[in-house]
C-alpha atoms as a PDB file:
ATOM      1  CA  UNK A   1       0.000   0.000   0.000  1.00  0.00           C
ATOM      2  CA  UNK A   2       1.272   3.417  -0.961  1.00  0.00           C
ATOM      3  CA  UNK A   3       1.770   6.030   1.645  1.00  0.00           C
ATOM      4  CA  UNK A   4      -0.446   9.042   1.395  1.00  0.00           C
ATOM      5  CA  UNK A   5       1.124  12.425   0.938  1.00  0.00           C
ATOM      6  CA  UNK A   6      -0.642  15.458   1.959  1.00  0.00           C
ATOM      7  CA  UNK A   7       0.128  18.607   0.008  1.00  0.00           C
ATOM      8  CA  UNK A   8       1.042  21.164   2.545  1.00  0.00           C
ATOM      9  CA  UNK A   9       2.067  24.733   1.807  1.00  0.00           C
ATOM     10  CA  UNK A  10       5.594  23.869   2.850  1.00  0.00           C
ATOM     11  CA  UNK A  11       5.741  20.892   0.433  1.00  0.00           C
ATOM     12  CA  UNK A  12       4.378  22.978  -2.446  1.00  0.00           C
ATOM     13  CA  UNK A  13       7.087  25.623  -1.798  1.00  0.00           C
ATOM     14  CA  UNK A  14       9.758  22.926  -1.892  1.00  0.00           C
ATOM     15  CA  UNK A  15       8.415  21.572  -5.187  1.00  0.00           C
ATOM     16  CA  UNK A  16       8.286  25.048  -6.741  1.00  0.00           C
ATOM     17  CA  UNK A  17      11.825  25.855  -5.538  1.00  0.00           C
ATOM     18  CA  UNK A  18      13.191  22.552  -6.816  1.00  0.00           C
ATOM     19  CA  UNK A  19      11.525  23.191 -10.183  1.00  0.00           C
ATOM     20  CA  UNK A  20      13.061  26.662 -10.340  1.00  0.00           C
ATOM     21  CA  UNK A  21      16.462  25.221  -9.462  1.00  0.00           C
ATOM     22  CA  UNK A  22      16.143  22.671 -12.275  1.00  0.00           C
ATOM     23  CA  UNK A  23      15.369  25.302 -14.968  1.00  0.00           C
ATOM     24  CA  UNK A  24      19.012  26.359 -15.519  1.00  0.00           C
ATOM     25  CA  UNK A  25      19.915  22.717 -16.084  1.00  0.00           C
ATOM     26  CA  UNK A  26      17.276  22.198 -18.770  1.00  0.00           C
ATOM     27  CA  UNK A  27      19.136  24.022 -21.607  1.00  0.00           C
ATOM     28  CA  UNK A  28      22.263  21.957 -20.964  1.00  0.00           C
ATOM     29  CA  UNK A  29      20.199  18.801 -21.216  1.00  0.00           C
ATOM     30  CA  UNK A  30      18.761  20.050 -24.500  1.00  0.00           C
ATOM     31  CA  UNK A  31      22.238  21.052 -25.715  1.00  0.00           C
ATOM     32  CA  UNK A  32      23.411  17.477 -25.352  1.00  0.00           C
ATOM     33  CA  UNK A  33      20.848  16.513 -27.972  1.00  0.00           C
ATOM     34  CA  UNK A  34      21.740  19.471 -30.237  1.00  0.00           C
ATOM     35  CA  UNK A  35      24.969  18.020 -31.703  1.00  0.00           C
ATOM     36  CA  UNK A  36      22.981  15.079 -32.983  1.00  0.00           C
ATOM     37  CA  UNK A  37      20.675  17.460 -34.847  1.00  0.00           C
ATOM     38  CA  UNK A  38      23.700  19.467 -36.113  1.00  0.00           C
ATOM     39  CA  UNK A  39      25.291  16.251 -37.336  1.00  0.00           C
ATOM     40  CA  UNK A  40      22.021  15.362 -38.968  1.00  0.00           C
ATOM     41  CA  UNK A  41      21.864  18.834 -40.519  1.00  0.00           C
ATOM     42  CA  UNK A  42      25.387  18.621 -41.861  1.00  0.00           C
ATOM     43  CA  UNK A  43      24.745  15.154 -43.208  1.00  0.00           C
ATOM     44  CA  UNK A  44      21.632  16.497 -44.934  1.00  0.00           C
ATOM     45  CA  UNK A  45      23.735  19.295 -46.434  1.00  0.00           C
ATOM     46  CA  UNK A  46      26.324  16.766 -47.532  1.00  0.00           C
ATOM     47  CA  UNK A  47      23.657  14.581 -49.078  1.00  0.00           C
ATOM     48  CA  UNK A  48      22.167  17.590 -50.862  1.00  0.00           C
ATOM     49  CA  UNK A  49      25.571  18.515 -52.293  1.00  0.00           C
ATOM     50  CA  UNK A  50      26.122  14.933 -53.436  1.00  0.00           C
ATOM     51  CA  UNK A  51      22.734  14.925 -55.174  1.00  0.00           C
ATOM     52  CA  UNK A  52      23.522  18.256 -56.825  1.00  0.00           C
ATOM     53  CA  UNK A  53      26.871  17.029 -58.207  1.00  0.00           C
ATOM     54  CA  UNK A  54      25.349  13.746 -59.337  1.00  0.00           C
ATOM     55  CA  UNK A  55      22.602  15.596 -61.208  1.00  0.00           C
ATOM     56  CA  UNK A  56      25.175  17.898 -62.771  1.00  0.00           C
ATOM     57  CA  UNK A  57      27.246  14.900 -63.879  1.00  0.00           C
ATOM     58  CA  UNK A  58      24.188  13.291 -65.447  1.00  0.00           C
ATOM     59  CA  UNK A  59      23.271  16.517 -67.269  1.00  0.00           C
ATOM     60  CA  UNK A  60      26.828  17.024 -68.536  1.00  0.00           C
ATOM     61  CA  UNK A  61      27.426  13.409 -69.601  1.00  0.00           C
ATOM     62  CA  UNK A  62      26.238  13.854 -73.231  1.00  0.00           C
ATOM     63  CA  UNK A  63      28.342  16.990 -73.719  1.00  0.00           C
ATOM     64  CA  UNK A  64      31.395  15.308 -72.207  1.00  0.00           C
ATOM     65  CA  UNK A  65      30.882  12.296 -74.473  1.00  0.00           C
ATOM     66  CA  UNK A  66      30.671  14.602 -77.516  1.00  0.00           C
ATOM     67  CA  UNK A  67      33.826  16.398 -76.409  1.00  0.00           C
ATOM     68  CA  UNK A  68      35.614  13.072 -76.014  1.00  0.00           C
ATOM     69  CA  UNK A  69      34.545  12.027 -79.526  1.00  0.00           C
ATOM     70  CA  UNK A  70      35.769  15.360 -80.903  1.00  0.00           C
ATOM     71  CA  UNK A  71      39.106  14.917 -79.138  1.00  0.00           C
ATOM     72  CA  UNK A  72      39.385  11.414 -80.589  1.00  0.00           C
ATOM     73  CA  UNK A  73      38.732  12.804 -84.099  1.00  0.00           C
ATOM     74  CA  UNK A  74      41.091  15.779 -83.932  1.00  0.00           C
ATOM     75  CA  UNK A  75      43.661  14.346 -81.538  1.00  0.00           C
ATOM     76  CA  UNK A  76      46.117  12.809 -84.020  1.00  0.00           C
ATOM     77  CA  UNK A  77      46.096  15.750 -86.447  1.00  0.00           C
ATOM     78  CA  UNK A  78      46.390  18.284 -83.630  1.00  0.00           C
ATOM     79  CA  UNK A  79      49.252  16.328 -82.106  1.00  0.00           C
ATOM     80  CA  UNK A  80      51.053  16.314 -85.471  1.00  0.00           C
ATOM     81  CA  UNK A  81      50.497  20.056 -85.866  1.00  0.00           C
ATOM     82  CA  UNK A  82      51.870  20.810 -82.415  1.00  0.00           C
ATOM     83  CA  UNK A  83      54.915  18.599 -82.888  1.00  0.00           C
ATOM     84  CA  UNK A  84      55.712  20.318 -86.208  1.00  0.00           C
ATOM     85  CA  UNK A  85      54.751  23.915 -85.418  1.00  0.00           C
ATOM     86  CA  UNK A  86      55.234  23.959 -81.652  1.00  0.00           C
ATOM     87  CA  UNK A  87      58.869  25.130 -81.641  1.00  0.00           C
ATOM     88  CA  UNK A  88      58.131  27.924 -84.149  1.00  0.00           C
ATOM     89  CA  UNK A  89      55.098  29.076 -82.157  1.00  0.00           C
ATOM     90  CA  UNK A  90      57.155  29.053 -78.962  1.00  0.00           C
ATOM     91  CA  UNK A  91      59.790  31.207 -80.676  1.00  0.00           C
ATOM     92  CA  UNK A  92      57.143  33.720 -81.807  1.00  0.00           C
ATOM     93  CA  UNK A  93      55.572  33.782 -78.359  1.00  0.00           C
ATOM     94  CA  UNK A  94      58.987  34.518 -76.858  1.00  0.00           C
ATOM     95  CA  UNK A  95      59.485  37.519 -79.157  1.00  0.00           C
ATOM     96  CA  UNK A  96      56.077  39.107 -78.543  1.00  0.00           C
ATOM     97  CA  UNK A  97      55.856  40.959 -75.257  1.00  0.00           C
ATOM     98  CA  UNK A  98      52.262  42.198 -75.430  1.00  0.00           C
ATOM     99  CA  UNK A  99      49.684  40.365 -77.549  1.00  0.00           C
ATOM    100  CA  UNK A 100      47.106  43.114 -76.987  1.00  0.00           C
ATOM    101  CA  UNK A 101      48.861  45.429 -79.496  1.00  0.00           C
ATOM    102  CA  UNK A 102      48.189  42.985 -82.357  1.00  0.00           C
ATOM    103  CA  UNK A 103      45.053  42.323 -84.392  1.00  0.00           C
ATOM    104  CA  UNK A 104      43.696  38.826 -84.747  1.00  0.00           C
ATOM    105  CA  UNK A 105      45.478  36.607 -87.282  1.00  0.00           C
ATOM    106  CA  UNK A 106      44.323  36.827 -90.900  1.00  0.00           C
ATOM    107  CA  UNK A 107      44.514  34.149 -93.577  1.00  0.00           C
ATOM    108  CA  UNK A 108      45.449  35.624 -96.948  1.00  0.00           C
ATOM    109  CA  UNK A 109      44.055  34.222-100.233  1.00  0.00           C
ATOM    110  CA  UNK A 110      47.367  32.466-100.892  1.00  0.00           C
ATOM    111  CA  UNK A 111      47.125  30.649 -97.539  1.00  0.00           C
ATOM    112  CA  UNK A 112      49.635  32.762 -95.621  1.00  0.00           C
ATOM    113  CA  UNK A 113      48.715  33.744 -92.087  1.00  0.00           C
ATOM    114  CA  UNK A 114      49.641  37.221 -90.935  1.00  0.00           C
ATOM    115  CA  UNK A 115      49.267  38.986 -87.619  1.00  0.00           C
ATOM    116  CA  UNK A 116      49.105  42.757 -88.059  1.00  0.00           C
ATOM    117  CA  UNK A 117      50.034  45.268 -85.422  1.00  0.00           C
ATOM    118  CA  UNK A 118      47.103  47.491 -84.395  1.00  0.00           C
ATOM    119  CA  UNK A 119      47.295  50.995 -85.900  1.00  0.00           C
ATOM    120  CA  UNK A 120      47.171  52.772 -82.538  1.00  0.00           C
ATOM    121  CA  UNK A 121      50.078  50.663 -81.269  1.00  0.00           C
ATOM    122  CA  UNK A 122      53.040  52.379 -82.892  1.00  0.00           C
ATOM    123  CA  UNK A 123      56.282  50.428 -82.900  1.00  0.00           C
ATOM    124  CA  UNK A 124      58.751  51.215 -80.156  1.00  0.00           C
ATOM    125  CA  UNK A 125      60.206  54.596 -81.058  1.00  0.00           C
ATOM    126  CA  UNK A 126      63.317  54.480 -78.922  1.00  0.00           C
ATOM    127  CA  UNK A 127      66.075  56.602 -80.422  1.00  0.00           C
ATOM    128  CA  UNK A 128      69.510  55.119 -80.753  1.00  0.00           C
ATOM    129  CA  UNK A 129      71.684  55.738 -77.737  1.00  0.00           C
ATOM    130  CA  UNK A 130      74.526  56.961 -79.941  1.00  0.00           C
ATOM    131  CA  UNK A 131      73.979  59.141 -83.007  1.00  0.00           C
ATOM    132  CA  UNK A 132      75.428  58.160 -86.373  1.00  0.00           C
ATOM    133  CA  UNK A 133      79.106  58.920 -86.798  1.00  0.00           C
ATOM    134  CA  UNK A 134      79.845  58.679 -83.075  1.00  0.00           C
ATOM    135  CA  UNK A 135      79.566  54.913 -82.667  1.00  0.00           C
ATOM    136  CA  UNK A 136      82.828  54.345 -80.807  1.00  0.00           C
ATOM    137  CA  UNK A 137      83.064  57.659 -78.983  1.00  0.00           C
ATOM    138  CA  UNK A 138      82.383  57.545 -75.231  1.00  0.00           C
ATOM    139  CA  UNK A 139      81.718  60.824 -73.464  1.00  0.00           C
ATOM    140  CA  UNK A 140      83.150  61.470 -70.001  1.00  0.00           C
ATOM    141  CA  UNK A 141      80.703  61.226 -67.134  1.00  0.00           C
ATOM    142  CA  UNK A 142      78.815  64.425 -66.402  1.00  0.00           C
ATOM    143  CA  UNK A 143      79.211  65.891 -69.906  1.00  0.00           C
ATOM    144  CA  UNK A 144      76.527  66.533 -72.496  1.00  0.00           C
ATOM    145  CA  UNK A 145      76.936  66.237 -76.249  1.00  0.00           C
ATOM    146  CA  UNK A 146      75.511  69.245 -78.077  1.00  0.00           C
END
């Protein structure tokens, strides 16, 4: 048989005080469960990213297959072109400092390819350091040739 408790004013005060004392501990008890929901949230984000990339891969698959077929078609001829013309193109690239001063390449009717300099880009107009007739003459330091 269970003992009978009688609710007295003193007992009700004790219950209210104990409840108030337990309130600060409630958020920490809830915080223990929070990492599980954060882990679940991050795993949902990870799953969403995986689904996004998988969908992107599926959408891009036909274009990638076409690109692979194009590379298979042009690969051998492009490789031959680069092996034959590569050194000459590297030499030209080494001589040109700024490609922005040139127009796009043109193919002439006879098959020649030319690259014209843009009209506004005048060639370097640096005067010779020594005027004609004075090639071997060195002036002393601090003097000016008139």
